[in-house]
Amino acid sequence: MEMIFLQTAIVLGATGGTGAVITEELIRRGVATIAFGRSRSKLERLAAQLGSPKHLTLFTGDAYRPQDIAAAAEGADVLFHCANVPYNEMVDKLIPLGESVMEAADQRRLKIVAVDGIYPYGRRQMEKVTEEHPKQPHTRKGQTRLAFEQMIFDDRWGHVQRMIVRLPDYYGPTANEASYLGATLAAIAAGKPAFFIGNMKVPREYVYLPDAAKMIVELASRNDTYGQNWNIPGAGIISGREIVRLARKASGITKPVVPLGKMSLSLLGMFNPVMKEIVEMLYLTEEPLTLSGEKYKRRIGPIPATDFEKGITETIHTLMNRG
């Protein structure tokens, strides 16, 4: 497989869960990295956490403005699109944000790696979901995410090489409260009562974000990985009960963790628009979908897979130290 010389990368949404860990992986590899975000203070905090490396540049801008992205991306080879929209605004804002990113990437003739999830697959139709799994989403969010994929691969962006990397639910020190598990682990680390979204008995797939970042940057560093989808699998499956047990063990604190099902989320949704929006995705906590990593193994090599005890312990300890 042909490697490219990745000299300079720009990460949109660099202070978010996936953006921060991809920025960290790029810095670790010595790649000159432009961290792009809306908040200067959050970008500065990220830089401080990474040891303020000389090959990290901070750029404040609005990802809905292609000219902001194009200005920041001067001299870059690859753009990592990790910017996201609030869960309750996904249907209205995901495509306009993506079009802004693609317009800038087309103008600068960049390679682009779009980080996305598993919603477009719809209900599971194979034991381990390969990149060939039919995309038949039955939820509004799944349909919006599929339209996002179609927009990314649209012929109108003639100067862009692109790929989409698909992650299952994720966790890790950078996973913010916008992720299902991020809020749960943050509350346990802070010694507070926590919520757990969905079924706690059914084992599901989660990927540890530092593992995901290694795979994503590896894919971005090769020429013949573009023009396609890539699944980024986790280290297996685990139940919510086991996650909570490991997190409590790591924190040394035991406070209640309350599972939130359809009824509780609907009630909370009367006051919190994000909770209301989660209801339609609860099927994934009852009928989990597990990604196949066969394509990655065949084309790239072994999958980095930190076991859950180590990953959860590292996450809790990092959060407690920051706390």
C-alpha atoms as a PDB file:
ATOM      1  CA  MET A   1       0.000   0.000   0.000  1.00  0.00           C
ATOM      2  CA  GLU A   2       1.354   3.378  -1.062  1.00  0.00           C
ATOM      3  CA  MET A   3       2.122   5.864   1.714  1.00  0.00           C
ATOM      4  CA  ILE A   4       1.833   9.607   1.184  1.00  0.00           C
ATOM      5  CA  PHE A   5       4.111  12.056   2.904  1.00  0.00           C
ATOM      6  CA  LEU A   6       1.675  13.755   5.285  1.00  0.00           C
ATOM      7  CA  GLN A   7       3.417  17.038   6.076  1.00  0.00           C
ATOM      8  CA  THR A   8       0.608  19.316   7.220  1.00  0.00           C
ATOM      9  CA  ALA A   9      -2.911  18.522   8.414  1.00  0.00           C
ATOM     10  CA  ILE A  10      -5.844  20.658   9.506  1.00  0.00           C
ATOM     11  CA  VAL A  11      -8.338  19.327  12.061  1.00  0.00           C
ATOM     12  CA  LEU A  12     -11.791  20.942  12.111  1.00  0.00           C
ATOM     13  CA  GLY A  13     -13.518  20.650  15.472  1.00  0.00           C
ATOM     14  CA  ALA A  14     -10.115  20.103  17.083  1.00  0.00           C
ATOM     15  CA  THR A  15     -11.382  20.505  20.656  1.00  0.00           C
ATOM     16  CA  GLY A  16     -14.173  17.902  20.292  1.00  0.00           C
ATOM     17  CA  GLY A  17     -13.933  14.226  21.253  1.00  0.00           C
ATOM     18  CA  THR A  18     -12.566  12.880  17.959  1.00  0.00           C
ATOM     19  CA  GLY A  19     -10.839  16.117  16.888  1.00  0.00           C
ATOM     20  CA  ALA A  20      -8.720  16.374  20.046  1.00  0.00           C
ATOM     21  CA  VAL A  21      -7.496  12.780  19.878  1.00  0.00           C
ATOM     22  CA  ILE A  22      -6.711  12.998  16.130  1.00  0.00           C
ATOM     23  CA  THR A  23      -4.798  16.248  16.785  1.00  0.00           C
ATOM     24  CA  GLU A  24      -2.860  14.455  19.521  1.00  0.00           C
ATOM     25  CA  GLU A  25      -2.025  11.521  17.215  1.00  0.00           C
ATOM     26  CA  LEU A  26      -0.845  13.857  14.430  1.00  0.00           C
ATOM     27  CA  ILE A  27       1.367  15.792  16.863  1.00  0.00           C
ATOM     28  CA  ARG A  28       2.772  12.496  18.188  1.00  0.00           C
ATOM     29  CA  ARG A  29       3.745  11.550  14.615  1.00  0.00           C
ATOM     30  CA  GLY A  30       5.465  14.904  14.049  1.00  0.00           C
ATOM     31  CA  VAL A  31       2.907  16.165  11.521  1.00  0.00           C
ATOM     32  CA  ALA A  32       2.551  19.965  11.387  1.00  0.00           C
ATOM     33  CA  THR A  33      -1.038  20.399  12.560  1.00  0.00           C
ATOM     34  CA  ILE A  34      -3.533  23.269  12.357  1.00  0.00           C
ATOM     35  CA  ALA A  35      -6.175  22.972  15.096  1.00  0.00           C
ATOM     36  CA  PHE A  36      -9.320  24.799  13.943  1.00  0.00           C
ATOM     37  CA  GLY A  37     -12.185  25.651  16.288  1.00  0.00           C
ATOM     38  CA  ARG A  38     -14.615  28.368  17.373  1.00  0.00           C
ATOM     39  CA  SER A  39     -13.244  28.943  20.879  1.00  0.00           C
ATOM     40  CA  ARG A  40      -9.748  30.369  21.350  1.00  0.00           C
ATOM     41  CA  SER A  41      -9.736  29.421  25.049  1.00  0.00           C
ATOM     42  CA  LYS A  42     -10.606  25.771  24.269  1.00  0.00           C
ATOM     43  CA  LEU A  43      -7.901  25.635  21.587  1.00  0.00           C
ATOM     44  CA  GLU A  44      -5.352  27.051  24.029  1.00  0.00           C
ATOM     45  CA  ARG A  45      -6.385  24.500  26.656  1.00  0.00           C
ATOM     46  CA  LEU A  46      -5.886  21.701  24.075  1.00  0.00           C
ATOM     47  CA  ALA A  47      -2.438  23.061  23.169  1.00  0.00           C
ATOM     48  CA  ALA A  48      -1.464  23.183  26.860  1.00  0.00           C
ATOM     49  CA  GLN A  49      -2.627  19.580  27.391  1.00  0.00           C
ATOM     50  CA  LEU A  50      -0.419  18.539  24.438  1.00  0.00           C
ATOM     51  CA  GLY A  51       2.591  20.385  25.887  1.00  0.00           C
ATOM     52  CA  SER A  52       2.305  23.415  23.537  1.00  0.00           C
ATOM     53  CA  PRO A  53       4.306  21.748  20.703  1.00  0.00           C
ATOM     54  CA  LYS A  54       5.957  24.002  18.102  1.00  0.00           C
ATOM     55  CA  HIS A  55       4.332  22.091  15.220  1.00  0.00           C
ATOM     56  CA  LEU A  56       0.794  22.908  16.430  1.00  0.00           C
ATOM     57  CA  THR A  57      -0.904  26.074  15.097  1.00  0.00           C
ATOM     58  CA  LEU A  58      -4.213  27.337  16.482  1.00  0.00           C
ATOM     59  CA  PHE A  59      -6.801  28.913  14.182  1.00  0.00           C
ATOM     60  CA  THR A  60     -10.110  30.363  15.361  1.00  0.00           C
ATOM     61  CA  GLY A  61     -12.914  30.440  12.798  1.00  0.00           C
ATOM     62  CA  ASP A  62     -16.433  29.439  11.823  1.00  0.00           C
ATOM     63  CA  ALA A  63     -16.681  26.112   9.993  1.00  0.00           C
ATOM     64  CA  TYR A  64     -19.906  27.288   8.317  1.00  0.00           C
ATOM     65  CA  ARG A  65     -17.780  29.871   6.444  1.00  0.00           C
ATOM     66  CA  PRO A  66     -15.742  28.169   3.673  1.00  0.00           C
ATOM     67  CA  GLN A  67     -13.442  31.203   3.503  1.00  0.00           C
ATOM     68  CA  ASP A  68     -12.463  30.715   7.178  1.00  0.00           C
ATOM     69  CA  ILE A  69     -11.526  27.077   6.540  1.00  0.00           C
ATOM     70  CA  ALA A  70      -9.706  27.901   3.295  1.00  0.00           C
ATOM     71  CA  ALA A  71      -7.677  30.622   5.049  1.00  0.00           C
ATOM     72  CA  ALA A  72      -6.695  28.226   7.856  1.00  0.00           C
ATOM     73  CA  ALA A  73      -5.914  25.349   5.474  1.00  0.00           C
ATOM     74  CA  GLU A  74      -3.249  27.090   3.401  1.00  0.00           C
ATOM     75  CA  GLY A  75      -0.398  24.632   2.845  1.00  0.00           C
ATOM     76  CA  ALA A  76      -2.279  21.630   4.291  1.00  0.00           C
ATOM     77  CA  ASP A  77      -2.329  18.195   2.638  1.00  0.00           C
ATOM     78  CA  VAL A  78      -5.215  16.547   4.515  1.00  0.00           C
ATOM     79  CA  LEU A  79      -8.289  17.962   6.251  1.00  0.00           C
ATOM     80  CA  PHE A  80      -9.879  15.955   9.078  1.00  0.00           C
ATOM     81  CA  HIS A  81     -13.562  16.901   9.334  1.00  0.00           C
ATOM     82  CA  CYS A  82     -14.368  16.306  13.008  1.00  0.00           C
ATOM     83  CA  ALA A  83     -16.636  19.349  13.469  1.00  0.00           C
ATOM     84  CA  ASN A  84     -20.081  18.321  14.585  1.00  0.00           C
ATOM     85  CA  VAL A  85     -23.487  19.852  15.192  1.00  0.00           C
ATOM     86  CA  PRO A  86     -25.686  19.669  18.305  1.00  0.00           C
ATOM     87  CA  TYR A  87     -27.638  16.404  18.317  1.00  0.00           C
ATOM     88  CA  ASN A  88     -30.993  18.186  18.160  1.00  0.00           C
ATOM     89  CA  GLU A  89     -29.841  20.307  15.178  1.00  0.00           C
ATOM     90  CA  MET A  90     -28.403  17.452  13.082  1.00  0.00           C
ATOM     91  CA  VAL A  91     -31.247  17.300  10.541  1.00  0.00           C
ATOM     92  CA  ASP A  92     -31.001  21.014   9.730  1.00  0.00           C
ATOM     93  CA  LYS A  93     -27.295  21.767  10.085  1.00  0.00           C
ATOM     94  CA  LEU A  94     -25.201  18.684   9.216  1.00  0.00           C
ATOM     95  CA  ILE A  95     -25.372  19.066   5.411  1.00  0.00           C
ATOM     96  CA  PRO A  96     -24.778  22.873   5.323  1.00  0.00           C
ATOM     97  CA  LEU A  97     -21.718  22.375   7.564  1.00  0.00           C
ATOM     98  CA  GLY A  98     -20.447  19.554   5.332  1.00  0.00           C
ATOM     99  CA  GLU A  99     -20.950  21.624   2.176  1.00  0.00           C
ATOM    100  CA  SER A 100     -18.945  24.483   3.681  1.00  0.00           C
ATOM    101  CA  VAL A 101     -16.097  22.064   4.474  1.00  0.00           C
ATOM    102  CA  MET A 102     -16.191  20.482   1.007  1.00  0.00           C
ATOM    103  CA  GLU A 103     -16.249  23.894  -0.715  1.00  0.00           C
ATOM    104  CA  ALA A 104     -13.079  24.919   1.160  1.00  0.00           C
ATOM    105  CA  ALA A 105     -11.426  21.529   0.517  1.00  0.00           C
ATOM    106  CA  ASP A 106     -12.267  21.781  -3.194  1.00  0.00           C
ATOM    107  CA  GLN A 107     -10.813  25.292  -3.357  1.00  0.00           C
ATOM    108  CA  ARG A 108      -7.576  24.162  -1.646  1.00  0.00           C
ATOM    109  CA  ARG A 109      -7.477  20.751  -3.468  1.00  0.00           C
ATOM    110  CA  LEU A 110      -7.201  18.880  -0.169  1.00  0.00           C
ATOM    111  CA  LYS A 111      -7.602  15.278   0.789  1.00  0.00           C
ATOM    112  CA  ILE A 112     -10.446  15.021   3.291  1.00  0.00           C
ATOM    113  CA  VAL A 113     -11.197  12.477   6.003  1.00  0.00           C
ATOM    114  CA  ALA A 114     -14.770  12.808   7.304  1.00  0.00           C
ATOM    115  CA  VAL A 115     -15.401  11.197  10.698  1.00  0.00           C
ATOM    116  CA  ASP A 116     -18.899   9.737  10.983  1.00  0.00           C
ATOM    117  CA  GLY A 117     -20.874   7.043  12.798  1.00  0.00           C
ATOM    118  CA  ILE A 118     -22.975   3.961  12.146  1.00  0.00           C
ATOM    119  CA  TYR A 119     -26.450   5.523  11.815  1.00  0.00           C
ATOM    120  CA  PRO A 120     -26.673   5.194   7.983  1.00  0.00           C
ATOM    121  CA  TYR A 121     -26.464   1.383   8.237  1.00  0.00           C
ATOM    122  CA  GLY A 122     -29.923   1.202   9.840  1.00  0.00           C
ATOM    123  CA  ARG A 123     -30.804  -2.112  11.435  1.00  0.00           C
ATOM    124  CA  ARG A 124     -28.167  -4.831  11.565  1.00  0.00           C
ATOM    125  CA  GLN A 125     -28.383  -7.283   8.659  1.00  0.00           C
ATOM    126  CA  MET A 126     -25.104  -9.147   9.174  1.00  0.00           C
ATOM    127  CA  GLU A 127     -23.306 -10.460  12.254  1.00  0.00           C
ATOM    128  CA  LYS A 128     -20.229  -8.261  11.781  1.00  0.00           C
ATOM    129  CA  VAL A 129     -21.052  -5.184   9.713  1.00  0.00           C
ATOM    130  CA  THR A 130     -18.670  -4.726   6.777  1.00  0.00           C
ATOM    131  CA  GLU A 131     -18.411  -1.601   4.609  1.00  0.00           C
ATOM    132  CA  GLU A 132     -20.721  -3.405   2.141  1.00  0.00           C
ATOM    133  CA  HIS A 133     -23.635  -3.573   4.633  1.00  0.00           C
ATOM    134  CA  PRO A 134     -26.752  -2.132   2.925  1.00  0.00           C
ATOM    135  CA  LYS A 135     -27.491   1.429   4.015  1.00  0.00           C
ATOM    136  CA  GLN A 136     -31.216   1.422   4.785  1.00  0.00           C
ATOM    137  CA  PRO A 137     -31.653   3.904   7.638  1.00  0.00           C
ATOM    138  CA  HIS A 138     -35.126   3.970   9.221  1.00  0.00           C
ATOM    139  CA  THR A 139     -34.483   7.001  11.485  1.00  0.00           C
ATOM    140  CA  ARG A 140     -34.330  10.700  10.579  1.00  0.00           C
ATOM    141  CA  LYS A 141     -30.777  10.916  11.854  1.00  0.00           C
ATOM    142  CA  GLY A 142     -29.720   7.865   9.841  1.00  0.00           C
ATOM    143  CA  GLN A 143     -31.287   9.340   6.690  1.00  0.00           C
ATOM    144  CA  THR A 144     -29.532  12.681   7.322  1.00  0.00           C
ATOM    145  CA  ARG A 145     -26.188  10.899   7.819  1.00  0.00           C
ATOM    146  CA  LEU A 146     -26.700   8.946   4.572  1.00  0.00           C
ATOM    147  CA  ALA A 147     -27.438  12.235   2.743  1.00  0.00           C
ATOM    148  CA  PHE A 148     -24.193  13.563   4.289  1.00  0.00           C
ATOM    149  CA  GLU A 149     -22.267  10.629   2.792  1.00  0.00           C
ATOM    150  CA  GLN A 150     -23.852  11.209  -0.630  1.00  0.00           C
ATOM    151  CA  MET A 151     -22.911  14.903  -0.419  1.00  0.00           C
ATOM    152  CA  ILE A 152     -19.283  14.093   0.528  1.00  0.00           C
ATOM    153  CA  PHE A 153     -18.904  11.789  -2.507  1.00  0.00           C
ATOM    154  CA  ASP A 154     -20.803  14.107  -4.879  1.00  0.00           C
ATOM    155  CA  ASP A 155     -19.100  14.733  -8.250  1.00  0.00           C
ATOM    156  CA  ARG A 156     -19.333  18.518  -7.831  1.00  0.00           C
ATOM    157  CA  TRP A 157     -16.216  18.453  -5.624  1.00  0.00           C
ATOM    158  CA  GLY A 158     -13.868  17.637  -8.490  1.00  0.00           C
ATOM    159  CA  HIS A 159     -10.612  18.590  -6.737  1.00  0.00           C
ATOM    160  CA  VAL A 160     -11.096  16.606  -3.507  1.00  0.00           C
ATOM    161  CA  GLN A 161      -9.970  13.086  -2.641  1.00  0.00           C
ATOM    162  CA  ARG A 162     -12.213  11.923   0.217  1.00  0.00           C
ATOM    163  CA  MET A 163     -12.990   9.091   2.579  1.00  0.00           C
ATOM    164  CA  ILE A 164     -15.457   8.501   5.399  1.00  0.00           C
ATOM    165  CA  VAL A 165     -14.339   6.689   8.543  1.00  0.00           C
ATOM    166  CA  ARG A 166     -17.163   5.175  10.622  1.00  0.00           C
ATOM    167  CA  LEU A 167     -16.895   4.768  14.393  1.00  0.00           C
ATOM    168  CA  PRO A 168     -19.243   2.948  16.772  1.00  0.00           C
ATOM    169  CA  ASP A 169     -20.013   4.534  20.175  1.00  0.00           C
ATOM    170  CA  TYR A 170     -16.741   5.739  21.645  1.00  0.00           C
ATOM    171  CA  TYR A 171     -15.094   6.624  24.939  1.00  0.00           C
ATOM    172  CA  GLY A 172     -11.784   8.044  26.125  1.00  0.00           C
ATOM    173  CA  PRO A 173     -10.243  11.012  27.941  1.00  0.00           C
ATOM    174  CA  THR A 174     -11.297  13.454  25.186  1.00  0.00           C
ATOM    175  CA  ALA A 175     -14.868  12.125  24.769  1.00  0.00           C
ATOM    176  CA  ASN A 176     -17.015  15.051  25.774  1.00  0.00           C
ATOM    177  CA  GLU A 177     -20.496  15.013  27.229  1.00  0.00           C
ATOM    178  CA  ALA A 178     -21.985  14.977  23.730  1.00  0.00           C
ATOM    179  CA  SER A 179     -21.102  11.253  23.496  1.00  0.00           C
ATOM    180  CA  TYR A 180     -23.405   8.717  25.164  1.00  0.00           C
ATOM    181  CA  LEU A 181     -20.709   7.245  27.377  1.00  0.00           C
ATOM    182  CA  GLY A 182     -18.674  10.446  27.830  1.00  0.00           C
ATOM    183  CA  ALA A 183     -21.175  12.013  30.232  1.00  0.00           C
ATOM    184  CA  THR A 184     -21.499   8.780  32.244  1.00  0.00           C
ATOM    185  CA  LEU A 185     -17.752   8.358  32.755  1.00  0.00           C
ATOM    186  CA  ALA A 186     -17.262  12.081  33.501  1.00  0.00           C
ATOM    187  CA  ALA A 187     -19.887  11.888  36.288  1.00  0.00           C
ATOM    188  CA  ILE A 188     -18.314   8.717  37.773  1.00  0.00           C
ATOM    189  CA  ALA A 189     -14.856  10.349  37.662  1.00  0.00           C
ATOM    190  CA  ALA A 190     -16.281  13.416  39.449  1.00  0.00           C
ATOM    191  CA  GLY A 191     -17.842  11.207  42.157  1.00  0.00           C
ATOM    192  CA  LYS A 192     -21.391  12.224  41.155  1.00  0.00           C
ATOM    193  CA  PRO A 193     -24.510  10.157  40.415  1.00  0.00           C
ATOM    194  CA  ALA A 194     -24.621   9.321  36.686  1.00  0.00           C
ATOM    195  CA  PHE A 195     -27.053   8.454  33.904  1.00  0.00           C
ATOM    196  CA  PHE A 196     -26.470   5.627  31.422  1.00  0.00           C
ATOM    197  CA  ILE A 197     -28.316   5.949  28.120  1.00  0.00           C
ATOM    198  CA  GLY A 198     -30.080   2.776  26.981  1.00  0.00           C
ATOM    199  CA  ASN A 199     -29.947  -0.856  27.980  1.00  0.00           C
ATOM    200  CA  MET A 200     -27.228  -1.722  30.522  1.00  0.00           C
ATOM    201  CA  LYS A 201     -27.522  -5.501  30.100  1.00  0.00           C
ATOM    202  CA  VAL A 202     -26.982  -5.915  26.346  1.00  0.00           C
ATOM    203  CA  PRO A 203     -23.243  -5.913  25.392  1.00  0.00           C
ATOM    204  CA  ARG A 204     -22.382  -3.327  22.724  1.00  0.00           C
ATOM    205  CA  GLU A 205     -19.335  -2.194  20.774  1.00  0.00           C
ATOM    206  CA  TYR A 206     -17.286   0.810  21.901  1.00  0.00           C
ATOM    207  CA  VAL A 207     -14.013   2.077  20.481  1.00  0.00           C
ATOM    208  CA  TYR A 208     -11.323   3.680  22.651  1.00  0.00           C
ATOM    209  CA  LEU A 209     -10.631   7.047  20.982  1.00  0.00           C
ATOM    210  CA  PRO A 210      -6.791   6.861  21.050  1.00  0.00           C
ATOM    211  CA  ASP A 211      -7.088   3.527  19.151  1.00  0.00           C
ATOM    212  CA  ALA A 212      -9.508   5.100  16.661  1.00  0.00           C
ATOM    213  CA  ALA A 213      -7.130   8.043  16.085  1.00  0.00           C
ATOM    214  CA  LYS A 214      -4.238   5.687  15.261  1.00  0.00           C
ATOM    215  CA  MET A 215      -6.373   3.914  12.636  1.00  0.00           C
ATOM    216  CA  ILE A 216      -7.801   7.134  11.160  1.00  0.00           C
ATOM    217  CA  VAL A 217      -4.402   8.840  10.789  1.00  0.00           C
ATOM    218  CA  GLU A 218      -2.941   5.626   9.340  1.00  0.00           C
ATOM    219  CA  LEU A 219      -5.700   5.552   6.700  1.00  0.00           C
ATOM    220  CA  ALA A 220      -5.217   9.261   5.960  1.00  0.00           C
ATOM    221  CA  SER A 221      -1.489   8.667   5.358  1.00  0.00           C
ATOM    222  CA  ARG A 222      -2.010   6.332   2.396  1.00  0.00           C
ATOM    223  CA  ASN A 223      -2.924   7.144  -1.185  1.00  0.00           C
ATOM    224  CA  ASP A 224      -5.181   4.231  -2.081  1.00  0.00           C
ATOM    225  CA  THR A 225      -7.538   4.472   0.909  1.00  0.00           C
ATOM    226  CA  TYR A 226      -9.488   7.458  -0.456  1.00  0.00           C
ATOM    227  CA  GLY A 227     -12.758   7.283  -2.385  1.00  0.00           C
ATOM    228  CA  GLN A 228     -14.322   4.811   0.058  1.00  0.00           C
ATOM    229  CA  ASN A 229     -15.786   4.094   3.496  1.00  0.00           C
ATOM    230  CA  TRP A 230     -13.747   2.537   6.315  1.00  0.00           C
ATOM    231  CA  ASN A 231     -15.095   0.924   9.491  1.00  0.00           C
ATOM    232  CA  ILE A 232     -13.127   1.691  12.674  1.00  0.00           C
ATOM    233  CA  PRO A 233     -13.947  -1.175  15.085  1.00  0.00           C
ATOM    234  CA  GLY A 234     -13.538  -1.288  18.861  1.00  0.00           C
ATOM    235  CA  ALA A 235     -11.950  -3.900  21.100  1.00  0.00           C
ATOM    236  CA  GLY A 236     -15.063  -6.083  21.268  1.00  0.00           C
ATOM    237  CA  ILE A 237     -18.360  -5.717  23.105  1.00  0.00           C
ATOM    238  CA  ILE A 238     -19.165  -4.880  26.718  1.00  0.00           C
ATOM    239  CA  SER A 239     -22.335  -4.295  28.746  1.00  0.00           C
ATOM    240  CA  GLY A 240     -23.177  -1.058  30.523  1.00  0.00           C
ATOM    241  CA  ARG A 241     -23.084  -2.876  33.860  1.00  0.00           C
ATOM    242  CA  GLU A 242     -19.505  -3.991  33.228  1.00  0.00           C
ATOM    243  CA  ILE A 243     -18.467  -0.496  32.087  1.00  0.00           C
ATOM    244  CA  VAL A 244     -19.856   0.976  35.329  1.00  0.00           C
ATOM    245  CA  ARG A 245     -18.139  -1.708  37.409  1.00  0.00           C
ATOM    246  CA  LEU A 246     -14.759  -0.963  35.802  1.00  0.00           C
ATOM    247  CA  ALA A 247     -15.253   2.820  36.068  1.00  0.00           C
ATOM    248  CA  ARG A 248     -16.195   2.621  39.757  1.00  0.00           C
ATOM    249  CA  LYS A 249     -13.198   0.375  40.405  1.00  0.00           C
ATOM    250  CA  ALA A 250     -10.911   2.934  38.725  1.00  0.00           C
ATOM    251  CA  SER A 251     -12.395   5.909  40.580  1.00  0.00           C
ATOM    252  CA  GLY A 252     -12.739   4.199  43.960  1.00  0.00           C
ATOM    253  CA  ILE A 253     -16.154   5.888  44.319  1.00  0.00           C
ATOM    254  CA  THR A 254     -19.554   4.228  44.120  1.00  0.00           C
ATOM    255  CA  LYS A 255     -22.480   6.540  43.368  1.00  0.00           C
ATOM    256  CA  PRO A 256     -25.770   5.529  41.721  1.00  0.00           C
ATOM    257  CA  VAL A 257     -25.880   5.074  37.938  1.00  0.00           C
ATOM    258  CA  VAL A 258     -29.415   5.317  36.564  1.00  0.00           C
ATOM    259  CA  PRO A 259     -30.256   3.760  33.171  1.00  0.00           C
ATOM    260  CA  LEU A 260     -32.377   5.955  30.896  1.00  0.00           C
ATOM    261  CA  GLY A 261     -34.879   4.132  28.702  1.00  0.00           C
ATOM    262  CA  LYS A 262     -37.506   5.390  26.278  1.00  0.00           C
ATOM    263  CA  MET A 263     -39.937   6.653  28.924  1.00  0.00           C
ATOM    264  CA  SER A 264     -37.362   8.518  31.038  1.00  0.00           C
ATOM    265  CA  LEU A 265     -35.725  10.060  27.953  1.00  0.00           C
ATOM    266  CA  SER A 266     -39.142  11.183  26.646  1.00  0.00           C
ATOM    267  CA  LEU A 267     -39.888  12.841  30.000  1.00  0.00           C
ATOM    268  CA  LEU A 268     -36.465  14.516  30.146  1.00  0.00           C
ATOM    269  CA  GLY A 269     -37.006  15.545  26.515  1.00  0.00           C
ATOM    270  CA  MET A 270     -39.768  17.891  27.656  1.00  0.00           C
ATOM    271  CA  PHE A 271     -37.007  20.050  29.184  1.00  0.00           C
ATOM    272  CA  ASN A 272     -33.912  18.966  27.228  1.00  0.00           C
ATOM    273  CA  PRO A 273     -34.119  18.827  23.394  1.00  0.00           C
ATOM    274  CA  VAL A 274     -31.052  16.552  23.131  1.00  0.00           C
ATOM    275  CA  MET A 275     -32.617  13.860  25.349  1.00  0.00           C
ATOM    276  CA  LYS A 276     -35.754  13.951  23.213  1.00  0.00           C
ATOM    277  CA  GLU A 277     -33.695  13.311  20.084  1.00  0.00           C
ATOM    278  CA  ILE A 278     -31.926  10.257  21.549  1.00  0.00           C
ATOM    279  CA  VAL A 279     -35.176   8.256  21.742  1.00  0.00           C
ATOM    280  CA  GLU A 280     -35.224   7.261  18.042  1.00  0.00           C
ATOM    281  CA  MET A 281     -31.675   5.859  18.301  1.00  0.00           C
ATOM    282  CA  LEU A 282     -32.361   3.620  21.311  1.00  0.00           C
ATOM    283  CA  TYR A 283     -32.825   0.635  18.990  1.00  0.00           C
ATOM    284  CA  LEU A 284     -29.011   0.495  18.799  1.00  0.00           C
ATOM    285  CA  THR A 285     -28.841  -0.235  22.534  1.00  0.00           C
ATOM    286  CA  GLU A 286     -31.304  -3.144  22.141  1.00  0.00           C
ATOM    287  CA  GLU A 287     -30.103  -4.534  18.790  1.00  0.00           C
ATOM    288  CA  PRO A 288     -26.418  -3.538  18.768  1.00  0.00           C
ATOM    289  CA  LEU A 289     -24.463  -3.317  15.580  1.00  0.00           C
ATOM    290  CA  THR A 290     -20.819  -4.490  15.629  1.00  0.00           C
ATOM    291  CA  LEU A 291     -18.363  -3.332  12.967  1.00  0.00           C
ATOM    292  CA  SER A 292     -16.122  -5.738  11.063  1.00  0.00           C
ATOM    293  CA  GLY A 293     -12.472  -4.716  10.881  1.00  0.00           C
ATOM    294  CA  GLU A 294     -11.607  -7.253   8.172  1.00  0.00           C
ATOM    295  CA  LYS A 295     -11.021  -4.638   5.474  1.00  0.00           C
ATOM    296  CA  TYR A 296      -8.680  -2.652   7.753  1.00  0.00           C
ATOM    297  CA  LYS A 297      -6.760  -5.805   8.770  1.00  0.00           C
ATOM    298  CA  ARG A 298      -6.456  -6.991   5.185  1.00  0.00           C
ATOM    299  CA  ARG A 299      -5.369  -3.645   3.728  1.00  0.00           C
ATOM    300  CA  ILE A 300      -3.535  -1.919   6.611  1.00  0.00           C
ATOM    301  CA  GLY A 301      -2.623  -4.410   9.334  1.00  0.00           C
ATOM    302  CA  PRO A 302      -3.466  -5.268  12.961  1.00  0.00           C
ATOM    303  CA  ILE A 303      -6.203  -3.253  14.689  1.00  0.00           C
ATOM    304  CA  PRO A 304      -5.079  -1.329  17.795  1.00  0.00           C
ATOM    305  CA  ALA A 305      -7.467  -2.612  20.476  1.00  0.00           C
ATOM    306  CA  THR A 306      -6.931  -1.442  24.068  1.00  0.00           C
ATOM    307  CA  ASP A 307      -8.843  -3.774  26.377  1.00  0.00           C
ATOM    308  CA  PHE A 308     -11.790  -2.197  28.205  1.00  0.00           C
ATOM    309  CA  GLU A 309     -10.310  -2.395  31.685  1.00  0.00           C
ATOM    310  CA  LYS A 310      -7.166  -0.503  30.618  1.00  0.00           C
ATOM    311  CA  GLY A 311      -9.062   2.018  28.464  1.00  0.00           C
ATOM    312  CA  ILE A 312     -11.721   2.789  31.075  1.00  0.00           C
ATOM    313  CA  THR A 313      -9.122   3.047  33.857  1.00  0.00           C
ATOM    314  CA  GLU A 314      -6.981   5.451  31.777  1.00  0.00           C
ATOM    315  CA  THR A 315     -10.078   7.516  30.952  1.00  0.00           C
ATOM    316  CA  ILE A 316     -11.241   7.781  34.579  1.00  0.00           C
ATOM    317  CA  HIS A 317      -7.755   8.604  35.910  1.00  0.00           C
ATOM    318  CA  THR A 318      -7.202  11.311  33.247  1.00  0.00           C
ATOM    319  CA  LEU A 319     -10.612  12.867  34.002  1.00  0.00           C
ATOM    320  CA  MET A 320      -9.935  12.792  37.755  1.00  0.00           C
ATOM    321  CA  ASN A 321      -6.530  14.455  37.285  1.00  0.00           C
ATOM    322  CA  ARG A 322      -8.092  17.180  35.139  1.00  0.00           C
ATOM    323  CA  GLY A 323     -11.066  17.511  37.497  1.00  0.00           C
END
